[in-house]
N, C-alpha and C. Protein backbone atom coordinates (compact mmCIF):
# COMPACT_ATOMS: atom_id res chain seq x y z
N MET A 1 90.62 97.31 89.00
CA MET A 1 91.75 97.31 87.90
C MET A 1 92.00 99.04 87.84
N LYS A 2 90.98 99.71 87.91
CA LYS A 2 91.22 101.42 88.03
C LYS A 2 92.12 101.54 89.16
N ASN A 3 91.60 101.25 90.39
CA ASN A 3 92.23 101.77 91.74
C ASN A 3 93.77 101.20 91.41
N LEU A 4 93.92 99.88 90.89
CA LEU A 4 95.25 99.63 90.79
C LEU A 4 96.44 100.47 89.91
N PHE A 5 95.62 100.95 88.80
CA PHE A 5 96.39 102.02 88.03
C PHE A 5 96.49 103.35 88.77
N THR A 6 95.53 103.69 89.62
CA THR A 6 95.81 105.04 90.01
C THR A 6 97.02 104.72 91.25
N LEU A 7 96.92 103.45 92.04
CA LEU A 7 97.74 103.22 92.96
C LEU A 7 99.29 103.42 92.14
N GLY A 8 99.33 102.80 90.76
CA GLY A 8 100.69 102.83 90.22
C GLY A 8 101.14 104.36 89.74
N LEU A 9 100.03 105.00 89.80
CA LEU A 9 100.57 106.10 89.07
C LEU A 9 100.97 106.96 90.32
N ILE A 10 100.32 107.01 91.50
CA ILE A 10 100.55 107.44 92.64
C ILE A 10 101.93 107.16 93.16
N LEU A 11 102.62 105.66 92.93
CA LEU A 11 103.96 105.31 93.12
C LEU A 11 104.91 106.04 92.26
N PHE A 12 104.43 106.00 90.95
CA PHE A 12 105.45 106.71 89.81
C PHE A 12 105.43 108.31 90.30
N LEU A 13 104.89 108.93 90.88
CA LEU A 13 104.90 110.18 91.06
C LEU A 13 105.55 110.08 92.33
N GLY A 14 105.54 109.71 93.64
CA GLY A 14 106.25 109.36 94.70
C GLY A 14 107.29 109.07 94.29
N MET A 15 107.89 108.58 93.31
CA MET A 15 109.19 107.96 93.24
C MET A 15 109.99 109.08 92.68
N SER A 16 109.35 110.08 91.69
CA SER A 16 110.02 111.13 91.22
C SER A 16 110.54 111.97 92.17
N ALA A 17 110.11 111.93 93.56
CA ALA A 17 110.09 113.02 94.68
C ALA A 17 111.55 112.37 95.43
N PHE A 18 111.96 111.18 95.57
CA PHE A 18 112.60 110.63 96.31
C PHE A 18 114.31 111.28 96.21
N GLY A 19 114.86 111.38 94.88
CA GLY A 19 115.79 112.10 94.66
C GLY A 19 115.67 112.85 93.30
N GLN A 20 115.26 114.12 93.40
CA GLN A 20 114.79 114.75 92.17
C GLN A 20 116.22 114.39 91.20
N ASP A 21 117.40 114.85 91.42
CA ASP A 21 118.49 114.42 90.83
C ASP A 21 118.47 113.28 89.87
N SER A 22 118.63 112.12 90.72
CA SER A 22 118.62 110.74 90.25
C SER A 22 117.33 110.33 89.45
N TYR A 23 115.92 110.62 89.74
CA TYR A 23 114.69 110.38 89.29
C TYR A 23 113.93 111.24 88.08
N TYR A 24 114.54 112.52 88.09
CA TYR A 24 114.24 113.83 87.46
C TYR A 24 114.18 113.03 85.69
N SER A 25 115.32 112.51 85.35
CA SER A 25 115.25 112.05 83.94
C SER A 25 114.44 111.05 83.77
N PHE A 26 114.17 110.05 84.70
CA PHE A 26 113.20 108.98 84.44
C PHE A 26 111.91 109.61 84.43
N VAL A 27 111.53 110.45 85.00
CA VAL A 27 110.07 110.81 85.13
C VAL A 27 110.05 111.74 83.63
N ASP A 28 110.91 112.32 83.25
CA ASP A 28 110.80 113.09 82.28
C ASP A 28 110.58 112.17 80.98
N PHE A 29 111.64 110.91 81.03
CA PHE A 29 111.34 110.09 79.95
C PHE A 29 109.89 109.12 79.99
N GLN A 30 109.35 108.97 81.07
CA GLN A 30 108.29 108.39 81.12
C GLN A 30 107.24 109.08 80.68
N LYS A 31 107.10 110.67 81.06
CA LYS A 31 106.32 111.63 80.31
C LYS A 31 106.11 111.47 78.77
N THR A 32 107.28 110.73 78.36
CA THR A 32 107.38 110.94 76.72
C THR A 32 106.51 109.57 76.11
N LEU A 33 106.28 108.59 77.09
CA LEU A 33 105.68 107.57 76.12
C LEU A 33 104.37 107.84 76.54
N PRO A 34 103.40 107.10 75.62
CA PRO A 34 101.95 107.22 75.54
C PRO A 34 101.34 107.47 76.78
N ARG A 35 101.10 105.70 77.29
CA ARG A 35 100.49 105.47 78.49
C ARG A 35 100.74 106.52 79.73
N PRO A 36 102.17 106.25 80.12
CA PRO A 36 102.31 107.22 81.39
C PRO A 36 102.22 108.50 81.25
N GLY A 37 102.63 109.21 79.97
CA GLY A 37 102.28 110.48 79.65
C GLY A 37 100.89 111.12 79.69
N ASP A 38 99.99 110.17 79.19
CA ASP A 38 98.61 110.55 79.19
C ASP A 38 98.06 110.25 81.01
N ALA A 39 98.38 109.50 81.46
CA ALA A 39 97.72 109.46 82.96
C ALA A 39 98.29 110.37 83.49
N MET A 40 99.72 111.02 83.60
CA MET A 40 100.16 112.44 84.10
C MET A 40 99.15 113.25 83.62
N ARG A 41 99.25 113.63 82.33
CA ARG A 41 98.30 114.61 82.13
C ARG A 41 96.61 114.57 82.58
N ARG A 42 96.03 113.36 82.64
CA ARG A 42 94.63 113.20 83.21
C ARG A 42 94.78 113.16 84.77
N LYS A 43 95.69 112.82 85.70
CA LYS A 43 95.79 112.47 86.71
C LYS A 43 96.59 113.52 87.51
N GLU A 44 97.22 114.20 87.07
CA GLU A 44 98.17 114.93 88.12
C GLU A 44 97.38 116.09 88.96
N ASP A 45 96.84 116.75 88.32
CA ASP A 45 95.89 117.98 88.83
C ASP A 45 94.98 117.33 90.02
N THR A 46 94.29 116.18 89.47
CA THR A 46 93.19 115.57 90.65
C THR A 46 94.38 115.28 91.99
N LEU A 47 95.59 114.69 91.61
CA LEU A 47 96.53 114.17 92.83
C LEU A 47 96.95 115.34 93.65
N ARG A 48 97.37 116.51 92.60
CA ARG A 48 97.66 117.72 93.36
C ARG A 48 96.58 118.07 94.36
N ARG A 49 95.30 118.35 93.93
CA ARG A 49 94.06 118.85 94.59
C ARG A 49 94.04 117.88 95.97
N GLN A 50 94.08 116.67 95.96
CA GLN A 50 93.83 115.93 96.80
C GLN A 50 94.97 116.16 98.07
N PHE A 51 96.00 116.42 97.67
CA PHE A 51 97.24 116.65 98.64
C PHE A 51 96.90 117.57 99.30
N GLU A 52 96.38 118.93 98.46
CA GLU A 52 96.36 120.04 99.17
C GLU A 52 95.18 120.13 99.69
N GLN A 53 94.13 119.18 99.51
CA GLN A 53 93.14 118.98 100.71
C GLN A 53 93.16 118.59 101.86
N LYS A 54 94.37 117.55 101.86
CA LYS A 54 94.64 116.81 103.09
C LYS A 54 96.08 117.58 104.08
N LYS A 55 96.27 118.80 103.19
CA LYS A 55 97.46 119.62 103.63
C LYS A 55 98.82 119.13 103.59
N LEU A 56 99.06 118.24 102.66
CA LEU A 56 100.07 117.46 102.26
C LEU A 56 101.23 118.39 101.27
N ASP A 57 102.25 118.08 101.40
CA ASP A 57 103.32 118.62 100.40
C ASP A 57 103.39 118.02 99.34
N TRP A 58 103.36 118.71 98.04
CA TRP A 58 103.21 118.39 96.79
C TRP A 58 104.30 118.72 95.91
N PRO A 59 105.41 117.84 95.16
CA PRO A 59 105.01 116.45 95.17
C PRO A 59 105.42 115.82 96.53
N ALA A 60 105.19 114.73 97.23
CA ALA A 60 105.83 113.65 97.97
C ALA A 60 107.04 113.93 98.05
N ARG A 61 107.84 113.95 99.07
CA ARG A 61 109.04 113.75 99.49
C ARG A 61 109.39 111.90 99.68
N GLN A 62 108.47 111.38 100.51
CA GLN A 62 108.29 110.05 100.62
C GLN A 62 106.71 109.52 100.71
N MET A 63 106.84 108.45 100.12
CA MET A 63 105.37 107.94 100.16
C MET A 63 105.75 106.11 100.48
N TYR A 64 104.56 105.85 101.30
CA TYR A 64 104.46 104.35 101.45
C TYR A 64 103.12 103.80 100.85
N ILE A 65 102.96 102.89 100.11
CA ILE A 65 101.79 102.54 99.48
C ILE A 65 101.63 100.89 99.80
N ARG A 66 100.28 100.57 100.17
CA ARG A 66 100.17 99.28 100.63
C ARG A 66 98.96 99.04 99.91
N SER A 67 99.00 97.89 99.07
CA SER A 67 97.92 97.50 98.27
C SER A 67 97.34 96.15 98.69
N PHE A 68 96.01 95.76 98.69
CA PHE A 68 95.84 94.56 98.81
C PHE A 68 94.75 93.86 97.45
N LYS A 69 94.82 92.72 97.27
CA LYS A 69 94.09 92.08 96.38
C LYS A 69 93.27 90.95 96.41
N TYR A 70 92.34 90.48 96.05
CA TYR A 70 91.55 89.16 96.15
C TYR A 70 92.38 88.13 95.62
N ASP A 71 92.37 87.15 95.98
CA ASP A 71 93.16 85.47 95.53
C ASP A 71 92.56 85.46 94.15
N GLY A 72 93.34 85.25 92.91
CA GLY A 72 92.92 84.89 91.78
C GLY A 72 92.75 86.16 90.97
N GLU A 73 93.00 87.67 91.55
CA GLU A 73 92.90 88.40 90.71
C GLU A 73 94.26 88.79 89.97
């Protein structure tokens, strides 16, 4: 469940970079909500460091996310 949450957060952050003008207000709105705002505050620095370690641009311009789950989960 924790990994799924992290993937969701990565997707959320990646979406914000696809079109700064079109998604900027969406991201700002999401940051005002309790759960997404808290997740951003807790995880953004970690994600930024992981991107820097892999020499990737932050925020990502495009992102492909592939997720797997077991049957019944």
